[in-house]
N, C-alpha and C. Protein backbone atom coordinates (compact mmCIF):
# COMPACT_ATOMS: atom_id res chain seq x y z
N UNK A 1 8.40 14.50 7.54
CA UNK A 1 8.99 13.21 7.20
C UNK A 1 10.09 13.43 6.19
N UNK A 2 11.10 12.66 6.27
CA UNK A 2 12.24 12.80 5.37
C UNK A 2 12.37 11.52 4.53
N UNK A 3 13.21 11.61 3.53
CA UNK A 3 13.48 10.45 2.70
C UNK A 3 14.94 10.12 2.80
N UNK A 4 15.29 8.89 2.45
CA UNK A 4 16.68 8.46 2.48
C UNK A 4 17.33 8.72 1.15
N UNK A 5 16.52 9.05 0.10
CA UNK A 5 17.03 9.38 -1.22
C UNK A 5 16.23 10.55 -1.74
N UNK A 6 16.63 11.09 -2.86
CA UNK A 6 15.97 12.21 -3.50
C UNK A 6 14.53 11.85 -3.81
N UNK A 7 13.56 12.56 -3.17
CA UNK A 7 12.13 12.25 -3.36
C UNK A 7 11.64 12.64 -4.76
N UNK A 8 12.40 13.47 -5.47
CA UNK A 8 11.96 13.88 -6.81
C UNK A 8 12.31 12.84 -7.87
N UNK A 9 13.07 11.82 -7.48
CA UNK A 9 13.50 10.82 -8.43
C UNK A 9 12.50 9.67 -8.39
N UNK A 10 11.51 9.76 -9.30
CA UNK A 10 10.44 8.76 -9.27
C UNK A 10 10.93 7.34 -9.64
N UNK A 11 12.16 7.22 -10.15
CA UNK A 11 12.70 5.90 -10.47
C UNK A 11 13.28 5.22 -9.24
N UNK A 12 13.47 5.92 -8.15
CA UNK A 12 13.96 5.32 -6.90
C UNK A 12 12.91 4.39 -6.32
N UNK A 13 13.35 3.44 -5.57
CA UNK A 13 12.43 2.50 -4.97
C UNK A 13 11.47 3.21 -3.96
N UNK A 14 10.23 2.85 -4.01
CA UNK A 14 9.30 3.36 -2.96
C UNK A 14 9.72 2.98 -1.58
N UNK A 15 10.54 1.90 -1.48
CA UNK A 15 10.94 1.41 -0.14
C UNK A 15 12.12 2.24 0.38
N UNK A 16 12.59 3.20 -0.36
CA UNK A 16 13.71 4.02 0.06
C UNK A 16 13.29 5.32 0.80
N UNK A 17 12.03 5.39 1.21
CA UNK A 17 11.55 6.60 1.90
C UNK A 17 11.25 6.23 3.35
N UNK A 18 11.15 7.27 4.17
CA UNK A 18 10.72 7.08 5.54
C UNK A 18 9.27 7.46 5.64
N UNK A 19 8.56 6.68 6.43
CA UNK A 19 7.13 6.98 6.67
C UNK A 19 6.85 6.42 8.08
N UNK A 20 5.90 7.09 8.74
CA UNK A 20 5.58 6.74 10.11
C UNK A 20 4.77 5.43 10.11
N UNK A 21 4.97 4.65 11.14
CA UNK A 21 4.10 3.47 11.39
C UNK A 21 2.81 3.94 11.99
N UNK A 22 1.77 3.15 11.88
CA UNK A 22 0.44 3.56 12.34
C UNK A 22 0.43 3.95 13.81
N UNK A 23 1.10 3.19 14.67
CA UNK A 23 1.06 3.48 16.08
C UNK A 23 2.34 4.17 16.55
N UNK A 24 3.05 4.87 15.68
CA UNK A 24 4.21 5.67 16.07
C UNK A 24 5.52 5.08 15.67
N UNK A 25 6.54 5.89 15.62
CA UNK A 25 7.84 5.45 15.20
C UNK A 25 7.87 5.28 13.66
N UNK A 26 8.95 4.72 13.19
CA UNK A 26 9.11 4.57 11.78
C UNK A 26 8.54 3.22 11.27
N UNK A 27 7.96 3.19 10.09
CA UNK A 27 7.51 1.95 9.52
C UNK A 27 8.68 1.15 8.98
N UNK A 28 9.86 1.77 8.89
CA UNK A 28 11.10 1.10 8.45
C UNK A 28 10.91 0.27 7.18
N UNK A 29 10.53 0.95 6.10
CA UNK A 29 10.26 0.27 4.83
C UNK A 29 11.47 -0.53 4.32
N UNK A 30 12.64 -0.12 4.72
CA UNK A 30 13.86 -0.83 4.30
C UNK A 30 13.86 -2.31 4.67
N UNK A 31 13.05 -2.66 5.71
CA UNK A 31 13.00 -4.06 6.12
C UNK A 31 12.35 -4.93 5.06
N UNK A 32 11.64 -4.29 4.07
CA UNK A 32 10.98 -5.05 3.01
C UNK A 32 11.84 -5.20 1.74
N UNK A 33 13.07 -4.68 1.83
CA UNK A 33 13.98 -4.87 0.67
C UNK A 33 14.15 -6.36 0.41
N UNK A 34 14.08 -6.76 -0.84
CA UNK A 34 14.15 -8.19 -1.22
C UNK A 34 12.84 -8.90 -1.07
N UNK A 35 11.80 -8.22 -0.67
CA UNK A 35 10.47 -8.89 -0.55
C UNK A 35 9.56 -8.27 -1.59
N UNK A 36 8.42 -8.92 -1.78
CA UNK A 36 7.38 -8.43 -2.69
C UNK A 36 6.32 -7.75 -1.77
N UNK A 37 5.96 -6.48 -2.11
CA UNK A 37 5.09 -5.75 -1.25
C UNK A 37 3.91 -5.18 -2.04
N UNK A 38 2.70 -5.38 -1.55
CA UNK A 38 1.52 -4.79 -2.12
C UNK A 38 1.15 -3.61 -1.28
N UNK A 39 1.35 -2.39 -1.82
CA UNK A 39 1.06 -1.14 -1.14
C UNK A 39 -0.37 -0.70 -1.48
N UNK A 40 -1.19 -0.48 -0.47
CA UNK A 40 -2.62 -0.17 -0.68
C UNK A 40 -3.03 0.99 0.19
N UNK A 41 -3.60 2.03 -0.41
CA UNK A 41 -4.19 3.11 0.40
C UNK A 41 -5.53 2.64 0.87
N UNK A 42 -5.74 2.65 2.16
CA UNK A 42 -6.92 2.05 2.80
C UNK A 42 -7.72 3.09 3.54
N UNK A 43 -9.02 2.71 3.80
CA UNK A 43 -9.90 3.56 4.56
C UNK A 43 -10.93 2.67 5.24
N UNK A 44 -11.34 3.04 6.46
CA UNK A 44 -12.26 2.27 7.25
C UNK A 44 -13.77 2.46 6.99
N UNK A 45 -14.06 3.55 6.30
CA UNK A 45 -15.47 3.88 6.11
C UNK A 45 -15.82 4.02 4.65
N UNK A 46 -15.35 3.09 3.80
CA UNK A 46 -15.51 3.15 2.41
C UNK A 46 -16.29 1.94 1.91
N UNK A 47 -16.98 2.06 0.82
CA UNK A 47 -17.67 0.88 0.24
C UNK A 47 -16.71 -0.26 -0.09
N UNK A 48 -15.41 0.07 -0.28
CA UNK A 48 -14.44 -0.95 -0.61
C UNK A 48 -13.73 -1.47 0.62
N UNK A 49 -14.07 -1.00 1.83
CA UNK A 49 -13.41 -1.45 3.06
C UNK A 49 -13.40 -2.97 3.23
N UNK A 50 -14.40 -3.72 2.81
CA UNK A 50 -14.36 -5.19 2.90
C UNK A 50 -13.12 -5.81 2.22
N UNK A 51 -12.45 -5.02 1.36
CA UNK A 51 -11.21 -5.58 0.79
C UNK A 51 -10.16 -5.89 1.80
N UNK A 52 -10.26 -5.33 3.00
CA UNK A 52 -9.34 -5.65 4.07
C UNK A 52 -9.26 -7.18 4.26
N UNK A 53 -10.40 -7.85 4.19
CA UNK A 53 -10.45 -9.30 4.41
C UNK A 53 -9.59 -10.00 3.38
N UNK A 54 -9.74 -9.67 2.10
CA UNK A 54 -8.92 -10.29 1.03
C UNK A 54 -7.44 -9.94 1.18
N UNK A 55 -7.18 -8.67 1.55
CA UNK A 55 -5.77 -8.29 1.70
C UNK A 55 -5.12 -9.11 2.83
N UNK A 56 -5.86 -9.31 3.94
CA UNK A 56 -5.32 -10.11 5.02
C UNK A 56 -5.09 -11.55 4.58
N UNK A 57 -6.04 -12.12 3.82
CA UNK A 57 -5.84 -13.51 3.33
C UNK A 57 -4.61 -13.54 2.40
N UNK A 58 -4.41 -12.60 1.56
CA UNK A 58 -3.18 -12.56 0.72
C UNK A 58 -1.92 -12.54 1.56
N UNK A 59 -1.94 -11.67 2.57
CA UNK A 59 -0.80 -11.52 3.43
C UNK A 59 -0.51 -12.87 4.13
N UNK A 60 -1.55 -13.53 4.63
CA UNK A 60 -1.33 -14.81 5.32
C UNK A 60 -0.87 -15.90 4.33
N UNK A 61 -1.46 -15.90 3.17
CA UNK A 61 -1.14 -16.92 2.13
C UNK A 61 0.30 -16.85 1.68
N UNK A 62 0.84 -15.69 1.49
CA UNK A 62 2.14 -15.53 0.83
C UNK A 62 3.28 -15.03 1.78
N UNK A 63 2.94 -14.70 3.01
CA UNK A 63 3.93 -14.14 3.95
C UNK A 63 5.17 -14.99 4.06
N UNK A 64 5.01 -16.29 4.12
CA UNK A 64 6.13 -17.22 4.23
C UNK A 64 7.02 -17.27 3.05
N UNK A 65 6.59 -16.69 1.95
CA UNK A 65 7.38 -16.69 0.70
C UNK A 65 8.07 -15.35 0.45
N UNK A 66 8.02 -14.43 1.45
CA UNK A 66 8.64 -13.13 1.24
C UNK A 66 7.73 -12.07 0.70
N UNK A 67 6.47 -12.10 1.13
CA UNK A 67 5.46 -11.13 0.67
C UNK A 67 4.79 -10.46 1.87
N UNK A 68 4.44 -9.18 1.68
CA UNK A 68 3.63 -8.49 2.67
C UNK A 68 2.70 -7.50 1.97
N UNK A 69 1.62 -7.26 2.65
CA UNK A 69 0.72 -6.11 2.27
C UNK A 69 1.15 -5.00 3.17
N UNK A 70 1.15 -3.78 2.63
CA UNK A 70 1.43 -2.58 3.45
C UNK A 70 0.27 -1.67 3.27
N UNK A 71 -0.51 -1.49 4.39
CA UNK A 71 -1.69 -0.64 4.36
C UNK A 71 -1.27 0.77 4.66
N UNK A 72 -1.85 1.75 3.89
CA UNK A 72 -1.53 3.16 4.02
C UNK A 72 -2.84 3.91 4.20
N UNK A 73 -3.25 4.15 5.45
CA UNK A 73 -4.51 4.82 5.68
C UNK A 73 -4.49 6.27 5.09
N UNK A 74 -5.57 6.65 4.44
CA UNK A 74 -5.68 7.94 3.82
C UNK A 74 -7.07 8.50 3.99
N UNK A 75 -7.16 9.76 4.35
CA UNK A 75 -8.43 10.43 4.58
C UNK A 75 -8.78 11.43 3.45
N UNK A 76 -8.17 11.29 2.27
CA UNK A 76 -8.36 12.29 1.27
C UNK A 76 -9.58 12.02 0.36
N UNK A 77 -10.26 10.92 0.55
CA UNK A 77 -11.40 10.58 -0.31
C UNK A 77 -12.66 10.61 0.52
N UNK A 78 -13.33 11.73 0.45
CA UNK A 78 -14.61 11.98 1.17
C UNK A 78 -14.52 11.72 2.68
N UNK A 79 -13.30 11.93 3.24
CA UNK A 79 -13.12 11.78 4.68
C UNK A 79 -13.44 10.41 5.22
N UNK A 80 -13.13 9.35 4.43
CA UNK A 80 -13.50 8.01 4.76
C UNK A 80 -12.53 7.28 5.71
N UNK A 81 -11.48 8.01 6.17
CA UNK A 81 -10.58 7.47 7.19
C UNK A 81 -10.41 8.55 8.26
N UNK A 82 -11.51 8.86 9.03
CA UNK A 82 -11.46 9.97 9.95
C UNK A 82 -10.81 9.66 11.31
N UNK A 83 -10.62 8.40 11.64
CA UNK A 83 -10.19 8.01 12.97
C UNK A 83 -8.76 8.33 13.30
N UNK A 84 -8.48 8.21 14.58
CA UNK A 84 -7.11 8.39 15.06
C UNK A 84 -6.35 7.09 14.72
N UNK A 85 -5.08 7.10 14.90
CA UNK A 85 -4.28 5.88 14.62
C UNK A 85 -4.76 4.72 15.44
N UNK A 86 -5.04 5.00 16.71
CA UNK A 86 -5.47 3.93 17.63
C UNK A 86 -6.87 3.37 17.16
N UNK A 87 -7.77 4.26 16.70
CA UNK A 87 -9.07 3.83 16.21
C UNK A 87 -8.94 2.97 14.96
N UNK A 88 -8.06 3.42 14.06
CA UNK A 88 -7.86 2.65 12.85
C UNK A 88 -7.29 1.27 13.16
N UNK A 89 -6.31 1.22 14.01
CA UNK A 89 -5.71 -0.09 14.41
C UNK A 89 -6.74 -1.02 14.99
N UNK A 90 -7.56 -0.45 15.95
CA UNK A 90 -8.58 -1.26 16.58
C UNK A 90 -9.62 -1.77 15.60
N UNK A 91 -10.07 -0.89 14.70
CA UNK A 91 -11.05 -1.28 13.69
C UNK A 91 -10.51 -2.39 12.78
N UNK A 92 -9.29 -2.25 12.30
CA UNK A 92 -8.71 -3.23 11.42
C UNK A 92 -8.54 -4.58 12.06
N UNK A 93 -8.07 -4.51 13.30
CA UNK A 93 -7.81 -5.77 14.03
C UNK A 93 -9.12 -6.44 14.44
N UNK A 94 -10.06 -5.72 15.02
CA UNK A 94 -11.28 -6.28 15.51
C UNK A 94 -12.24 -6.69 14.36
N UNK A 95 -12.31 -5.91 13.31
CA UNK A 95 -13.28 -6.20 12.24
C UNK A 95 -12.75 -7.17 11.19
N UNK A 96 -11.49 -7.04 10.82
CA UNK A 96 -10.91 -7.85 9.73
C UNK A 96 -9.74 -8.70 10.14
N UNK A 97 -9.33 -8.69 11.40
CA UNK A 97 -8.20 -9.50 11.84
C UNK A 97 -6.90 -9.14 11.12
N UNK A 98 -6.76 -7.86 10.81
CA UNK A 98 -5.56 -7.41 10.07
C UNK A 98 -4.27 -7.62 10.87
N UNK A 99 -3.33 -8.30 10.31
CA UNK A 99 -1.99 -8.46 10.90
C UNK A 99 -0.89 -7.85 10.08
N UNK A 100 -1.23 -7.44 8.82
CA UNK A 100 -0.20 -6.83 7.98
C UNK A 100 0.18 -5.44 8.49
N UNK A 101 1.38 -4.94 8.19
CA UNK A 101 1.79 -3.65 8.67
C UNK A 101 0.96 -2.50 8.08
N UNK A 102 0.88 -1.45 8.87
CA UNK A 102 0.13 -0.25 8.42
C UNK A 102 0.99 0.98 8.77
N UNK A 103 0.94 1.96 7.90
CA UNK A 103 1.64 3.22 8.11
C UNK A 103 0.68 4.21 8.84
N UNK A 104 1.20 5.33 9.20
CA UNK A 104 0.40 6.41 9.73
C UNK A 104 -0.44 6.94 8.57
N UNK A 105 -1.46 7.73 8.93
CA UNK A 105 -2.36 8.33 7.95
C UNK A 105 -1.52 9.24 7.02
N UNK A 106 -1.72 9.10 5.72
CA UNK A 106 -0.85 9.68 4.71
C UNK A 106 -1.64 10.32 3.59
N UNK A 107 -1.16 11.42 3.04
CA UNK A 107 -1.72 12.03 1.85
C UNK A 107 -1.12 11.35 0.66
N UNK A 108 -1.96 10.88 -0.28
CA UNK A 108 -1.50 10.23 -1.49
C UNK A 108 -1.58 11.05 -2.74
N UNK A 109 -2.32 12.16 -2.66
CA UNK A 109 -2.46 13.10 -3.76
C UNK A 109 -2.22 14.53 -3.28
N UNK A 110 -2.05 15.47 -4.22
CA UNK A 110 -1.98 16.83 -3.88
C UNK A 110 -0.61 17.33 -3.46
N UNK A 111 -0.57 18.57 -3.03
CA UNK A 111 0.70 19.22 -2.65
C UNK A 111 1.40 18.50 -1.50
N UNK A 112 0.59 17.84 -0.64
CA UNK A 112 1.14 17.14 0.50
C UNK A 112 1.39 15.65 0.25
N UNK A 113 1.38 15.25 -1.04
CA UNK A 113 1.56 13.84 -1.37
C UNK A 113 2.88 13.32 -0.76
N UNK A 114 2.78 12.22 -0.06
CA UNK A 114 3.96 11.64 0.57
C UNK A 114 4.94 11.11 -0.49
N UNK A 115 6.23 11.20 -0.21
CA UNK A 115 7.26 10.71 -1.14
C UNK A 115 7.03 9.25 -1.57
N UNK A 116 6.44 8.41 -0.69
CA UNK A 116 6.15 7.04 -1.08
C UNK A 116 5.25 7.07 -2.34
N UNK A 117 4.21 7.87 -2.31
CA UNK A 117 3.32 7.91 -3.45
C UNK A 117 3.90 8.70 -4.63
N UNK A 118 4.82 9.61 -4.38
CA UNK A 118 5.53 10.27 -5.48
C UNK A 118 6.18 9.20 -6.37
N UNK A 119 6.69 8.15 -5.71
CA UNK A 119 7.40 7.08 -6.41
C UNK A 119 6.48 6.00 -6.99
N UNK A 120 5.25 6.01 -6.61
CA UNK A 120 4.30 5.04 -7.08
C UNK A 120 3.44 5.51 -8.22
N UNK A 121 2.98 6.73 -8.18
CA UNK A 121 1.93 7.18 -9.07
C UNK A 121 2.35 7.30 -10.56
N UNK A 122 3.63 7.27 -10.86
CA UNK A 122 4.05 7.39 -12.24
C UNK A 122 3.85 6.05 -13.01
N UNK A 123 3.57 4.99 -12.28
CA UNK A 123 3.38 3.66 -12.91
C UNK A 123 1.93 3.50 -13.34
N UNK A 124 1.75 3.11 -14.58
CA UNK A 124 0.39 2.93 -15.11
C UNK A 124 -0.18 1.55 -14.86
N UNK A 125 -1.51 1.49 -14.67
CA UNK A 125 -2.16 0.20 -14.51
C UNK A 125 -2.39 -0.38 -15.92
N UNK A 126 -3.05 -1.56 -15.98
CA UNK A 126 -3.29 -2.22 -17.24
C UNK A 126 -4.16 -1.44 -18.20
N UNK A 127 -4.99 -0.53 -17.63
CA UNK A 127 -5.82 0.32 -18.47
C UNK A 127 -5.12 1.62 -18.92
N UNK A 128 -3.88 1.78 -18.48
CA UNK A 128 -3.14 2.98 -18.90
C UNK A 128 -3.18 4.11 -17.96
N UNK A 129 -3.90 4.01 -16.82
CA UNK A 129 -3.96 5.09 -15.84
C UNK A 129 -2.69 5.21 -15.05
N UNK A 130 -2.13 6.44 -15.07
CA UNK A 130 -1.00 6.75 -14.18
C UNK A 130 -1.39 8.10 -13.54
N UNK A 131 -0.60 8.52 -12.62
CA UNK A 131 -0.87 9.79 -11.94
C UNK A 131 -1.68 9.55 -10.69
N UNK A 132 -2.49 10.61 -10.36
CA UNK A 132 -3.21 10.64 -9.08
C UNK A 132 -3.93 9.32 -8.75
N UNK A 133 -3.94 9.06 -7.45
CA UNK A 133 -4.72 7.93 -6.93
C UNK A 133 -6.18 8.26 -7.09
N UNK A 134 -6.98 7.32 -7.62
CA UNK A 134 -8.36 7.60 -7.95
C UNK A 134 -9.28 7.45 -6.77
N UNK A 135 -9.00 6.53 -5.86
CA UNK A 135 -9.91 6.26 -4.73
C UNK A 135 -9.18 5.35 -3.74
N UNK A 136 -9.83 5.10 -2.65
CA UNK A 136 -9.30 4.15 -1.62
C UNK A 136 -9.07 2.80 -2.28
N UNK A 137 -8.09 2.09 -1.79
CA UNK A 137 -7.80 0.69 -2.16
C UNK A 137 -7.18 0.56 -3.56
N UNK A 138 -6.48 1.59 -4.02
CA UNK A 138 -5.67 1.47 -5.24
C UNK A 138 -4.40 0.68 -4.77
N UNK A 139 -3.95 -0.23 -5.60
CA UNK A 139 -2.90 -1.16 -5.18
C UNK A 139 -1.70 -1.08 -6.09
N UNK A 140 -0.50 -1.10 -5.48
CA UNK A 140 0.76 -1.10 -6.25
C UNK A 140 1.56 -2.33 -5.76
N UNK A 141 2.06 -3.07 -6.68
CA UNK A 141 2.91 -4.21 -6.39
C UNK A 141 4.37 -3.82 -6.62
N UNK A 142 5.18 -3.97 -5.58
CA UNK A 142 6.58 -3.66 -5.64
C UNK A 142 7.37 -4.95 -5.61
N UNK A 143 8.20 -5.16 -6.60
CA UNK A 143 8.97 -6.39 -6.74
C UNK A 143 10.12 -6.49 -5.77
N UNK A 144 10.80 -7.64 -5.75
CA UNK A 144 11.89 -7.88 -4.83
C UNK A 144 13.05 -6.87 -4.99
N UNK A 145 13.20 -6.35 -6.23
CA UNK A 145 14.23 -5.34 -6.46
C UNK A 145 13.87 -3.93 -6.09
N UNK A 146 12.69 -3.76 -5.56
CA UNK A 146 12.22 -2.46 -5.13
C UNK A 146 11.54 -1.62 -6.19
N UNK A 147 11.32 -2.24 -7.33
CA UNK A 147 10.66 -1.53 -8.44
C UNK A 147 9.17 -1.81 -8.48
N UNK A 148 8.39 -0.79 -8.93
CA UNK A 148 6.93 -0.97 -9.08
C UNK A 148 6.76 -1.82 -10.30
N UNK A 149 6.01 -2.92 -10.18
CA UNK A 149 5.81 -3.85 -11.27
C UNK A 149 4.32 -3.93 -11.71
N UNK A 150 3.40 -3.46 -10.95
CA UNK A 150 2.01 -3.54 -11.30
C UNK A 150 1.20 -2.49 -10.47
N UNK A 151 0.14 -2.03 -11.08
CA UNK A 151 -0.80 -1.14 -10.41
C UNK A 151 -2.22 -1.68 -10.73
N UNK A 152 -3.04 -1.64 -9.68
CA UNK A 152 -4.40 -2.20 -9.83
C UNK A 152 -5.42 -1.13 -9.34
N UNK A 153 -6.51 -1.03 -10.10
CA UNK A 153 -7.57 -0.04 -9.79
C UNK A 153 -8.18 -0.37 -8.44
N UNK A 154 -8.78 0.64 -7.80
CA UNK A 154 -9.37 0.45 -6.48
C UNK A 154 -10.39 -0.70 -6.39
N UNK A 155 -11.20 -0.89 -7.41
CA UNK A 155 -12.24 -1.92 -7.36
C UNK A 155 -11.70 -3.29 -7.69
N UNK A 156 -10.43 -3.44 -8.04
CA UNK A 156 -9.85 -4.76 -8.32
C UNK A 156 -9.78 -5.51 -7.01
N UNK A 157 -10.45 -6.68 -6.99
CA UNK A 157 -10.42 -7.46 -5.78
C UNK A 157 -9.04 -7.94 -5.49
N UNK A 158 -8.52 -7.81 -4.27
CA UNK A 158 -7.21 -8.24 -3.94
C UNK A 158 -6.87 -9.69 -4.23
N UNK A 159 -7.91 -10.53 -4.22
CA UNK A 159 -7.74 -11.95 -4.46
C UNK A 159 -8.09 -12.33 -5.90
N UNK A 160 -8.21 -11.34 -6.79
CA UNK A 160 -8.51 -11.66 -8.18
C UNK A 160 -7.36 -12.38 -8.81
N UNK A 161 -7.62 -13.06 -9.89
CA UNK A 161 -6.59 -13.82 -10.61
C UNK A 161 -5.47 -12.85 -11.08
N UNK A 162 -5.86 -11.65 -11.45
CA UNK A 162 -4.89 -10.64 -11.96
C UNK A 162 -3.87 -10.29 -10.87
N UNK A 163 -4.35 -10.04 -9.65
CA UNK A 163 -3.47 -9.69 -8.55
C UNK A 163 -2.64 -10.91 -8.10
N UNK A 164 -3.30 -12.02 -7.89
CA UNK A 164 -2.60 -13.23 -7.40
C UNK A 164 -1.55 -13.68 -8.37
N UNK A 165 -1.82 -13.65 -9.64
CA UNK A 165 -0.89 -14.05 -10.68
C UNK A 165 0.36 -13.14 -10.67
N UNK A 166 0.10 -11.83 -10.47
CA UNK A 166 1.25 -10.88 -10.47
C UNK A 166 2.10 -11.11 -9.20
N UNK A 167 1.46 -11.40 -8.08
CA UNK A 167 2.23 -11.68 -6.86
C UNK A 167 3.01 -12.95 -7.02
N UNK A 168 2.40 -13.99 -7.51
CA UNK A 168 3.10 -15.29 -7.71
C UNK A 168 4.29 -15.12 -8.65
N UNK A 169 4.09 -14.36 -9.74
CA UNK A 169 5.17 -14.16 -10.69
C UNK A 169 6.38 -13.47 -10.05
N UNK A 170 6.12 -12.51 -9.19
CA UNK A 170 7.18 -11.82 -8.48
C UNK A 170 7.88 -12.71 -7.43
N UNK A 171 7.09 -13.54 -6.77
CA UNK A 171 7.66 -14.46 -5.76
C UNK A 171 8.49 -15.50 -6.46
N UNK A 172 8.12 -15.93 -7.67
CA UNK A 172 8.87 -16.96 -8.36
C UNK A 172 10.12 -16.40 -8.99
N UNK A 173 10.12 -15.09 -9.30
CA UNK A 173 11.27 -14.47 -9.94
C UNK A 173 12.34 -14.20 -9.03
């Protein structure tokens, strides 16, 4: 995979990279320029997997205002996303009615960390954590200008006041 800008420049927008879509081709992140995006590394066989339902409700609630969730399947945490792209898509659709866009399976940590995550992990959450992704369902909010504006721990409910308030603030700005 390649990037459209220097992948070593963590200040560049996460939306300036290329990443595969779940079912092939490019996810074309550039289409989200000017929108608010919640980027979430997801997994189908995790104790936090029920967060898909809340992520889908957020997507439905705010999509008309220029918001999307972007799911990034990752198998780096105890092999909790073992399926093929087709199996992931079927699981998400059939189990949680997911309609938000999903990328191909991606490494978020380590030597193979995707450039998307190179641009996300430098941002600290409210507790001061920056760096490596801790677990499935860590969330990053990207503002309309393409900058990371918030990071939320994996166990933070996607529909929590903390997340919803941050999304609303970005949509209003």
